Protein backbone atom coordinates (compact mmCIF):
# COMPACT_ATOMS: atom_id res chain seq x y z
CA UNK A 1 -58.52 -242.10 101.20
CA UNK A 2 -57.95 -238.88 103.28
CA UNK A 3 -54.78 -237.40 105.35
CA UNK A 4 -52.05 -240.19 105.90
CA UNK A 5 -49.85 -240.31 109.11
CA UNK A 6 -46.62 -241.10 108.92
CA UNK A 7 -44.60 -242.02 112.11
CA UNK A 8 -41.82 -238.98 112.98
CA UNK A 9 -39.02 -240.54 112.24
CA UNK A 10 -40.18 -242.20 108.41
CA UNK A 11 -41.20 -238.50 107.59
CA UNK A 12 -37.67 -237.42 108.43
CA UNK A 13 -36.08 -239.85 106.57
CA UNK A 14 -38.43 -239.40 103.46
CA UNK A 15 -37.60 -235.70 103.93
CA UNK A 16 -34.71 -234.99 101.37
CA UNK A 17 -33.00 -232.42 103.31
CA UNK A 18 -33.10 -234.35 106.48
CA UNK A 19 -29.96 -236.06 103.98
CA UNK A 20 -28.43 -233.15 102.86
CA UNK A 21 -27.94 -231.57 106.75
CA UNK A 22 -26.71 -235.25 107.66
CA UNK A 23 -24.51 -235.28 105.11
CA UNK A 24 -23.09 -231.36 105.75
CA UNK A 25 -23.13 -232.50 109.11
CA UNK A 26 -20.20 -235.68 108.17
CA UNK A 27 -18.60 -233.56 105.72
CA UNK A 28 -17.53 -230.96 108.35
CA UNK A 29 -16.64 -233.35 111.10
CA UNK A 30 -14.56 -235.44 108.97
CA UNK A 31 -13.02 -232.26 107.70
CA UNK A 32 -12.15 -231.06 111.03
CA UNK A 33 -10.86 -234.38 111.82
CA UNK A 34 -8.18 -234.90 109.04
CA UNK A 35 -6.99 -231.17 108.61
CA UNK A 36 -7.31 -230.32 111.90
CA UNK A 37 -6.19 -233.97 113.19
CA UNK A 38 -7.11 -232.58 116.86
CA UNK A 39 -6.01 -234.77 119.48
CA UNK A 40 -8.19 -238.05 121.28
CA UNK A 41 -10.41 -236.26 123.43
CA UNK A 42 -10.75 -232.93 121.39
CA UNK A 43 -11.83 -235.52 118.51
CA UNK A 44 -14.24 -237.29 120.60
CA UNK A 45 -15.77 -233.58 121.26
CA UNK A 46 -16.24 -232.83 117.62
CA UNK A 47 -17.94 -236.56 116.70
CA UNK A 48 -20.41 -236.23 119.79
CA UNK A 49 -21.07 -232.54 118.70
CA UNK A 50 -21.77 -234.09 115.26
CA UNK A 51 -24.50 -236.54 116.26
CA UNK A 52 -26.10 -233.82 118.45
CA UNK A 53 -26.19 -232.06 115.49
CA UNK A 54 -28.05 -235.03 113.90
CA UNK A 55 -30.24 -235.76 116.79
CA UNK A 56 -31.44 -232.41 116.77
CA UNK A 57 -32.44 -232.19 113.40
CA UNK A 58 -35.87 -233.72 114.08
CA UNK A 59 -36.00 -230.70 117.10
CA UNK A 60 -35.61 -228.20 114.12
CA UNK A 61 -38.38 -229.74 111.91
CA UNK A 62 -40.83 -229.81 114.59
CA UNK A 63 -40.58 -226.22 116.20
CA UNK A 64 -40.82 -225.00 112.21
CA UNK A 65 -44.00 -226.58 111.62
CA UNK A 66 -42.39 -229.08 108.86
CA UNK A 67 -42.46 -232.26 110.53
CA UNK A 68 -45.97 -232.08 111.39
CA UNK A 69 -46.46 -231.15 107.67
CA UNK A 70 -44.66 -234.06 106.74
CA UNK A 71 -46.26 -236.21 109.11
CA UNK A 72 -49.86 -235.91 107.41
CA UNK A 73 -49.50 -235.89 104.21
CA UNK A 74 -52.49 -236.14 101.68
CA UNK A 75 -52.23 -239.23 99.38
CA UNK A 76 -50.87 -237.87 95.72
CA UNK A 77 -53.37 -239.46 93.57
CA UNK A 78 -53.22 -240.41 89.83
CA UNK A 79 -54.19 -237.81 87.13
CA UNK A 80 -56.46 -239.07 83.90
CA UNK A 81 -54.71 -238.53 80.82
CA UNK A 82 -56.06 -236.16 77.86
CA UNK A 83 -55.91 -239.13 76.04
CA UNK A 84 -58.14 -241.87 78.41
CA UNK A 85 -60.81 -238.17 78.63
CA UNK A 86 -61.03 -238.16 75.11
CA UNK A 87 -61.53 -241.87 74.35
CA UNK A 88 -64.19 -241.99 77.35
CA UNK A 89 -65.86 -238.64 76.01
CA UNK A 90 -65.96 -240.41 72.21
CA UNK A 91 -67.82 -243.62 73.67
CA UNK A 92 -70.25 -241.43 75.89
CA UNK A 93 -70.65 -239.50 72.86
CA UNK A 94 -72.28 -242.68 71.10
CA UNK A 95 -75.02 -243.44 74.22
CA UNK A 96 -78.52 -242.12 73.20
CA UNK A 97 -78.48 -241.00 76.81
CA UNK A 98 -76.86 -237.79 76.90
CA UNK A 99 -76.07 -237.36 81.05
CA UNK A 100 -72.99 -238.98 81.21
CA UNK A 101 -71.53 -236.98 78.56
CA UNK A 102 -72.24 -233.82 80.31
CA UNK A 103 -71.22 -235.52 83.50
CA UNK A 104 -67.74 -236.27 81.93
CA UNK A 105 -67.64 -232.39 80.85
CA UNK A 106 -68.92 -231.21 84.09
CA UNK A 107 -67.08 -233.31 86.68
CA UNK A 108 -63.70 -231.85 85.30
CA UNK A 109 -64.80 -228.11 85.13
CA UNK A 110 -65.95 -228.47 88.94
CA UNK A 111 -63.02 -230.34 89.85
CA UNK A 112 -60.96 -227.86 88.55
CA UNK A 113 -63.07 -224.78 89.77
CA UNK A 114 -62.51 -225.78 93.60
CA UNK A 115 -59.18 -226.41 93.16
CA UNK A 116 -59.13 -222.45 92.06
CA UNK A 117 -60.63 -221.19 94.50
CA UNK A 118 -59.05 -223.33 97.28
CA UNK A 119 -55.55 -221.87 95.60
CA UNK A 120 -57.49 -218.14 96.87
CA UNK A 121 -58.09 -218.86 99.86
CA UNK A 122 -55.31 -221.28 101.20
CA UNK A 123 -51.58 -221.71 100.98
CA UNK A 124 -50.66 -224.62 98.68
CA UNK A 125 -48.73 -227.19 100.68
CA UNK A 126 -50.57 -226.53 103.91
CA UNK A 127 -52.61 -229.30 105.34
CA UNK A 128 -55.86 -228.38 104.78
CA UNK A 129 -55.02 -226.96 101.09
CA UNK A 130 -53.71 -230.82 100.27
CA UNK A 131 -56.38 -232.85 101.92
CA UNK A 132 -59.34 -230.48 100.02
CA UNK A 133 -57.34 -230.98 97.07
CA UNK A 134 -56.63 -234.56 97.49
CA UNK A 135 -60.33 -235.11 98.15
CA UNK A 136 -61.58 -233.51 95.18
CA UNK A 137 -59.03 -235.08 93.01
CA UNK A 138 -60.93 -238.73 94.61
CA UNK A 139 -64.15 -237.82 93.80
CA UNK A 140 -63.17 -236.27 90.13
CA UNK A 141 -61.55 -240.24 90.42
CA UNK A 142 -64.70 -241.77 91.62
CA UNK A 143 -66.65 -240.08 89.11
CA UNK A 144 -64.60 -241.18 85.94
CA UNK A 145 -64.45 -244.57 87.30
CA UNK A 146 -68.40 -244.65 87.24
CA UNK A 147 -68.77 -243.23 83.69
CA UNK A 148 -66.46 -246.19 82.30
CA UNK A 149 -68.49 -248.54 83.87
CA UNK A 150 -71.74 -246.66 82.96
CA UNK A 151 -70.53 -246.82 79.20
CA UNK A 152 -69.88 -250.82 79.44
CA UNK A 153 -72.97 -251.06 81.08
CA UNK A 154 -74.95 -249.32 78.40
CA UNK A 155 -73.06 -251.18 76.02
CA UNK A 156 -73.40 -254.65 77.17
CA UNK A 157 -77.21 -254.06 76.19
CA UNK A 158 -77.35 -251.88 73.47
CA UNK A 159 -78.13 -254.82 71.43
CA UNK A 160 -81.38 -255.71 72.99
CA UNK A 161 -84.55 -254.37 72.08
CA UNK A 162 -86.45 -253.78 74.33
CA UNK A 163 -89.82 -252.65 72.22
CA UNK A 164 -89.53 -255.45 70.34
CA UNK A 165 -89.68 -257.39 73.58
CA UNK A 166 -92.37 -256.05 75.05
CA UNK A 167 -94.49 -256.06 71.68
CA UNK A 168 -93.24 -259.75 71.54
CA UNK A 169 -94.09 -260.52 75.16
CA UNK A 170 -98.32 -258.98 74.43
CA UNK A 171 -98.20 -261.22 71.45
CA UNK A 172 -97.32 -264.27 72.88
CA UNK A 173 -99.89 -263.31 76.00
CA UNK A 174 -102.75 -263.12 73.40
CA UNK A 175 -101.94 -266.62 72.43
CA UNK A 176 -101.46 -270.46 73.58
CA UNK A 177 -99.53 -269.94 76.81
CA UNK A 178 -97.90 -273.68 76.87
CA UNK A 179 -97.03 -273.19 73.28
CA UNK A 180 -94.95 -270.19 74.12
CA UNK A 181 -93.26 -270.98 76.85
CA UNK A 182 -89.99 -271.10 75.83
CA UNK A 183 -89.89 -268.12 73.88
CA UNK A 184 -91.83 -266.49 76.64
CA UNK A 185 -88.90 -267.58 79.03
CA UNK A 186 -85.92 -266.48 77.20
CA UNK A 187 -87.39 -262.64 76.32
CA UNK A 188 -88.25 -262.27 80.00
CA UNK A 189 -84.52 -263.21 80.44
CA UNK A 190 -83.39 -260.49 77.71
CA UNK A 191 -85.71 -257.76 79.28
CA UNK A 192 -84.62 -258.77 83.01
CA UNK A 193 -80.53 -258.23 81.42
CA UNK A 194 -81.73 -254.98 79.77
CA UNK A 195 -83.23 -253.41 83.62
CA UNK A 196 -80.56 -254.56 85.55
CA UNK A 197 -77.82 -252.74 83.70
CA UNK A 198 -80.29 -249.61 83.18
CA UNK A 199 -80.64 -249.98 86.93
CA UNK A 200 -76.57 -250.24 87.35
CA UNK A 201 -75.96 -247.15 85.00
CA UNK A 202 -78.99 -244.91 86.53
CA UNK A 203 -77.83 -245.66 90.35
CA UNK A 204 -73.87 -244.46 88.91
CA UNK A 205 -75.22 -241.30 87.29
CA UNK A 206 -77.25 -240.28 90.29
CA UNK A 207 -74.16 -240.66 92.26
CA UNK A 208 -72.12 -238.36 90.10
CA UNK A 209 -74.92 -235.69 90.50
CA UNK A 210 -74.35 -236.07 94.30
CA UNK A 211 -71.08 -235.56 93.83
CA UNK A 212 -71.01 -232.40 91.87
CA UNK A 213 -73.47 -231.04 93.85
CA UNK A 214 -71.20 -231.65 96.88
CA UNK A 215 -68.05 -230.14 95.07
CA UNK A 216 -70.42 -227.26 94.57
CA UNK A 217 -70.61 -227.02 97.83
CA UNK A 218 -67.70 -226.75 98.95
CA UNK A 219 -66.89 -224.42 96.40
CA UNK A 220 -69.36 -221.80 96.97
CA UNK A 221 -68.56 -222.34 100.77
CA UNK A 222 -64.93 -221.94 100.48
CA UNK A 223 -65.20 -218.61 98.50
CA UNK A 224 -67.36 -217.19 101.58
CA UNK A 225 -64.56 -218.20 103.86
CA UNK A 226 -61.48 -215.48 104.93
CA UNK A 227 -58.23 -215.77 103.58
CA UNK A 228 -56.52 -219.01 105.12
CA UNK A 229 -59.48 -220.54 106.98
CA UNK A 230 -61.29 -223.26 106.17
CA UNK A 231 -65.47 -222.71 107.58
CA UNK A 232 -67.61 -225.34 109.22
CA UNK A 233 -69.60 -225.43 106.47
CA UNK A 234 -67.22 -226.28 104.00
CA UNK A 235 -65.72 -228.79 106.62
CA UNK A 236 -69.21 -230.50 106.72
CA UNK A 237 -69.46 -230.94 102.80
CA UNK A 238 -65.91 -232.09 102.62
CA UNK A 239 -66.83 -234.94 104.87
CA UNK A 240 -69.33 -235.60 102.54
CA UNK A 241 -67.42 -235.65 99.53
CA UNK A 242 -64.99 -237.93 101.36
CA UNK A 243 -67.76 -240.14 102.36
CA UNK A 244 -69.41 -240.34 98.99
CA UNK A 245 -65.86 -240.92 97.13
CA UNK A 246 -65.25 -244.06 99.68
CA UNK A 247 -68.09 -245.49 98.76
CA UNK A 248 -68.08 -244.92 94.98
CA UNK A 249 -67.57 -247.69 92.56
CA UNK A 250 -68.94 -250.31 95.31
CA UNK A 251 -71.82 -250.95 93.51
CA UNK A 252 -69.96 -251.34 90.17
CA UNK A 253 -68.12 -254.23 91.52
CA UNK A 254 -70.79 -255.98 93.21
């Protein structure tokens, strides 16, 4: 993820004003030919001028900097609806561990804070602004995805009573090992399942904490930057955010 580069002609074709400009030129050429009925030589000249005007459109876009902005555009990422956030919040509130619910609230606040500071330092629509905003949204989506995985992981082992398992294993260890082998194996398997899911949740929550720290670091760096400029330390934090966002979810999918 990050900034996508398009070929110049794809950027021109995808830009709505391009079609308006072409339509205006074609209408003018046709109007001149139909209304004035110029002689053949002049008619060819009018058509030639029209073609030159159309061909010059990308040059105009390039000279104004519009073409570069159109070529290097950050991808538009989806938003998470309020109902989805509310449903996830209710699910996380039911967990014994308070960290997931806190992270859900905090990540939204930190993402919004970064975008607000970004808007006070850079002009919305600029390449750097869009890149920062896109990465911030990508990180937000990654954290939300991680929290969904945490909820699933914890719910999958919520019926496993590890205290009972540990107590029962201690009792079996004090008795006839051969007679209790089957029960011991079963209990150990359940204990391993719980440990695996807890380890997964712990990893994802730690990953979320790293993401929130980097969002704060980027916001602070931008707050200290002159208007219109992105400082080097903000760039470093943003690169770290991109790397973390690209890596997010791989553990859950493994």
